Amino acid sequence: MDIKDIQNKVVKVSDIYAKKCNINRDDDWYILKLQEEIGELTQIYLSESSRGRNVGVVPEQLKQEFANELSDVIGQVLLIANHHNIDIEEALERKWFRYLV
């Protein structure tokens, strides 16, 4: 599966979520939702690194929650790219992978 396939699946899930929860996904929503997801990732990271609240969650569960929140951040980035008609694969090639030559 390539990034475009993943992005299409993420968009479908987001469409279902928006319809079910009656969410208006305007330009602000995409950025603000990314910030929310980064906050949740940070919260789990702080718990996992013993610098935040740990409400009796075992380390394996914290690691799973960290992975889940990281996937939320990546999903939201893909949603933003889709919303702004950005080819994220091309952008990665241009910005990151140019150093591999």
C-alpha atoms as a PDB file:
ATOM      1  CA  MET A   1       0.000   0.000   0.000  1.00  0.00           C
ATOM      2  CA  ASP A   2       1.380   3.421  -0.910  1.00  0.00           C
ATOM      3  CA  ILE A   3       0.778   6.790   0.720  1.00  0.00           C
ATOM      4  CA  LYS A   4      -1.992   7.711  -1.725  1.00  0.00           C
ATOM      5  CA  ASP A   5      -3.909   4.539  -0.829  1.00  0.00           C
ATOM      6  CA  ILE A   6      -3.481   5.277   2.867  1.00  0.00           C
ATOM      7  CA  GLN A   7      -4.532   8.884   2.330  1.00  0.00           C
ATOM      8  CA  ASN A   8      -7.694   7.791   0.503  1.00  0.00           C
ATOM      9  CA  LYS A   9      -8.620   5.470   3.365  1.00  0.00           C
ATOM     10  CA  VAL A  10      -7.991   8.199   5.939  1.00  0.00           C
ATOM     11  CA  VAL A  11     -10.212  10.589   3.964  1.00  0.00           C
ATOM     12  CA  LYS A  12     -13.013   7.997   3.873  1.00  0.00           C
ATOM     13  CA  VAL A  13     -12.803   7.447   7.630  1.00  0.00           C
ATOM     14  CA  SER A  14     -12.776  11.210   8.232  1.00  0.00           C
ATOM     15  CA  ASP A  15     -15.819  11.634   5.984  1.00  0.00           C
ATOM     16  CA  ILE A  16     -17.693   9.015   8.029  1.00  0.00           C
ATOM     17  CA  TYR A  17     -16.596  10.658  11.303  1.00  0.00           C
ATOM     18  CA  ALA A  18     -17.594  14.151  10.133  1.00  0.00           C
ATOM     19  CA  LYS A  19     -21.010  12.990   8.979  1.00  0.00           C
ATOM     20  CA  LYS A  20     -21.673  10.953  12.121  1.00  0.00           C
ATOM     21  CA  CYS A  21     -20.586  13.778  14.462  1.00  0.00           C
ATOM     22  CA  ASN A  22     -21.966  16.634  12.315  1.00  0.00           C
ATOM     23  CA  ILE A  23     -18.548  18.319  12.014  1.00  0.00           C
ATOM     24  CA  ASN A  24     -17.893  21.154   9.595  1.00  0.00           C
ATOM     25  CA  ARG A  25     -14.335  20.559   8.382  1.00  0.00           C
ATOM     26  CA  ASP A  26     -13.315  24.017   7.213  1.00  0.00           C
ATOM     27  CA  ASP A  27      -9.717  25.207   6.790  1.00  0.00           C
ATOM     28  CA  ASP A  28      -9.398  25.980  10.494  1.00  0.00           C
ATOM     29  CA  TRP A  29     -10.673  22.564  11.536  1.00  0.00           C
ATOM     30  CA  TYR A  30      -7.847  20.726   9.778  1.00  0.00           C
ATOM     31  CA  ILE A  31      -5.103  22.710  11.515  1.00  0.00           C
ATOM     32  CA  LEU A  32      -6.831  22.859  14.893  1.00  0.00           C
ATOM     33  CA  LYS A  33      -7.519  19.120  14.815  1.00  0.00           C
ATOM     34  CA  LEU A  34      -3.830  18.498  14.052  1.00  0.00           C
ATOM     35  CA  GLN A  35      -2.916  20.600  17.084  1.00  0.00           C
ATOM     36  CA  GLU A  36      -5.339  18.575  19.217  1.00  0.00           C
ATOM     37  CA  GLU A  37      -3.793  15.314  18.034  1.00  0.00           C
ATOM     38  CA  ILE A  38      -0.257  16.583  18.699  1.00  0.00           C
ATOM     39  CA  GLY A  39      -1.376  17.514  22.206  1.00  0.00           C
ATOM     40  CA  GLU A  40      -2.709  14.005  22.789  1.00  0.00           C
ATOM     41  CA  LEU A  41       0.536  12.514  21.464  1.00  0.00           C
ATOM     42  CA  THR A  42       2.516  14.769  23.794  1.00  0.00           C
ATOM     43  CA  GLN A  43       0.356  13.790  26.764  1.00  0.00           C
ATOM     44  CA  ILE A  44       0.973  10.082  26.156  1.00  0.00           C
ATOM     45  CA  TYR A  45       4.685  10.715  25.611  1.00  0.00           C
ATOM     46  CA  LEU A  46       4.916  12.502  28.953  1.00  0.00           C
ATOM     47  CA  SER A  47       3.148   9.606  30.675  1.00  0.00           C
ATOM     48  CA  GLU A  48       5.336   7.044  28.920  1.00  0.00           C
ATOM     49  CA  SER A  49       8.509   8.906  29.934  1.00  0.00           C
ATOM     50  CA  SER A  50       7.369   9.251  33.578  1.00  0.00           C
ATOM     51  CA  ARG A  51       6.916  13.017  33.287  1.00  0.00           C
ATOM     52  CA  GLY A  52       3.131  13.045  33.240  1.00  0.00           C
ATOM     53  CA  ARG A  53       0.144  11.418  34.864  1.00  0.00           C
ATOM     54  CA  ASN A  54       0.055   7.659  34.713  1.00  0.00           C
ATOM     55  CA  VAL A  55      -3.320   6.458  35.904  1.00  0.00           C
ATOM     56  CA  GLY A  56      -2.306   2.842  36.418  1.00  0.00           C
ATOM     57  CA  VAL A  57      -1.615   2.121  32.755  1.00  0.00           C
ATOM     58  CA  VAL A  58       1.031  -0.527  32.130  1.00  0.00           C
ATOM     59  CA  PRO A  59       4.014   0.358  29.881  1.00  0.00           C
ATOM     60  CA  GLU A  60       2.804  -1.901  27.049  1.00  0.00           C
ATOM     61  CA  GLN A  61      -0.532  -0.080  26.984  1.00  0.00           C
ATOM     62  CA  LEU A  62       1.203   3.313  26.997  1.00  0.00           C
ATOM     63  CA  LYS A  63       3.315   2.217  24.038  1.00  0.00           C
ATOM     64  CA  GLN A  64       0.153   1.151  22.166  1.00  0.00           C
ATOM     65  CA  GLU A  65      -1.545   4.446  23.003  1.00  0.00           C
ATOM     66  CA  PHE A  66       1.550   6.342  21.819  1.00  0.00           C
ATOM     67  CA  ALA A  67       1.397   4.440  18.517  1.00  0.00           C
ATOM     68  CA  ASN A  68      -2.326   5.194  18.234  1.00  0.00           C
ATOM     69  CA  GLU A  69      -1.816   8.913  18.813  1.00  0.00           C
ATOM     70  CA  LEU A  70       1.080   8.984  16.351  1.00  0.00           C
ATOM     71  CA  SER A  71      -1.207   7.423  13.756  1.00  0.00           C
ATOM     72  CA  ASP A  72      -3.782  10.142  14.505  1.00  0.00           C
ATOM     73  CA  VAL A  73      -1.151  12.821  13.814  1.00  0.00           C
ATOM     74  CA  ILE A  74      -0.111  11.167  10.548  1.00  0.00           C
ATOM     75  CA  GLY A  75      -3.743  10.722   9.543  1.00  0.00           C
ATOM     76  CA  GLN A  76      -4.471  14.368  10.206  1.00  0.00           C
ATOM     77  CA  VAL A  77      -1.431  15.456   8.177  1.00  0.00           C
ATOM     78  CA  LEU A  78      -2.721  13.356   5.276  1.00  0.00           C
ATOM     79  CA  LEU A  79      -6.149  14.978   5.647  1.00  0.00           C
ATOM     80  CA  ILE A  80      -4.604  18.441   5.482  1.00  0.00           C
ATOM     81  CA  ALA A  81      -2.629  17.482   2.377  1.00  0.00           C
ATOM     82  CA  ASN A  82      -5.791  16.138   0.758  1.00  0.00           C
ATOM     83  CA  HIS A  83      -7.820  19.225   1.717  1.00  0.00           C
ATOM     84  CA  HIS A  84      -5.225  21.512   0.110  1.00  0.00           C
ATOM     85  CA  ASN A  85      -4.695  19.265  -2.939  1.00  0.00           C
ATOM     86  CA  ILE A  86      -1.068  18.631  -2.036  1.00  0.00           C
ATOM     87  CA  ASP A  87       0.627  15.561  -3.451  1.00  0.00           C
ATOM     88  CA  ILE A  88       2.371  14.495  -0.270  1.00  0.00           C
ATOM     89  CA  GLU A  89       4.528  11.925  -2.076  1.00  0.00           C
ATOM     90  CA  GLU A  90       5.838  14.589  -4.441  1.00  0.00           C
ATOM     91  CA  ALA A  91       6.395  16.985  -1.542  1.00  0.00           C
ATOM     92  CA  LEU A  92       8.388  14.348   0.351  1.00  0.00           C
ATOM     93  CA  GLU A  93      10.484  13.662  -2.729  1.00  0.00           C
ATOM     94  CA  ARG A  94      11.179  17.366  -3.197  1.00  0.00           C
ATOM     95  CA  LYS A  95      11.775  18.294   0.453  1.00  0.00           C
ATOM     96  CA  TRP A  96      13.227  15.179   2.128  1.00  0.00           C
ATOM     97  CA  PHE A  97      14.397  12.637  -0.374  1.00  0.00           C
ATOM     98  CA  ARG A  98      16.509  15.036  -2.412  1.00  0.00           C
ATOM     99  CA  TYR A  99      19.236  14.418   0.149  1.00  0.00           C
ATOM    100  CA  LEU A 100      19.423  10.758  -0.842  1.00  0.00           C
ATOM    101  CA  VAL A 101      21.031  11.411  -4.231  1.00  0.00           C
END
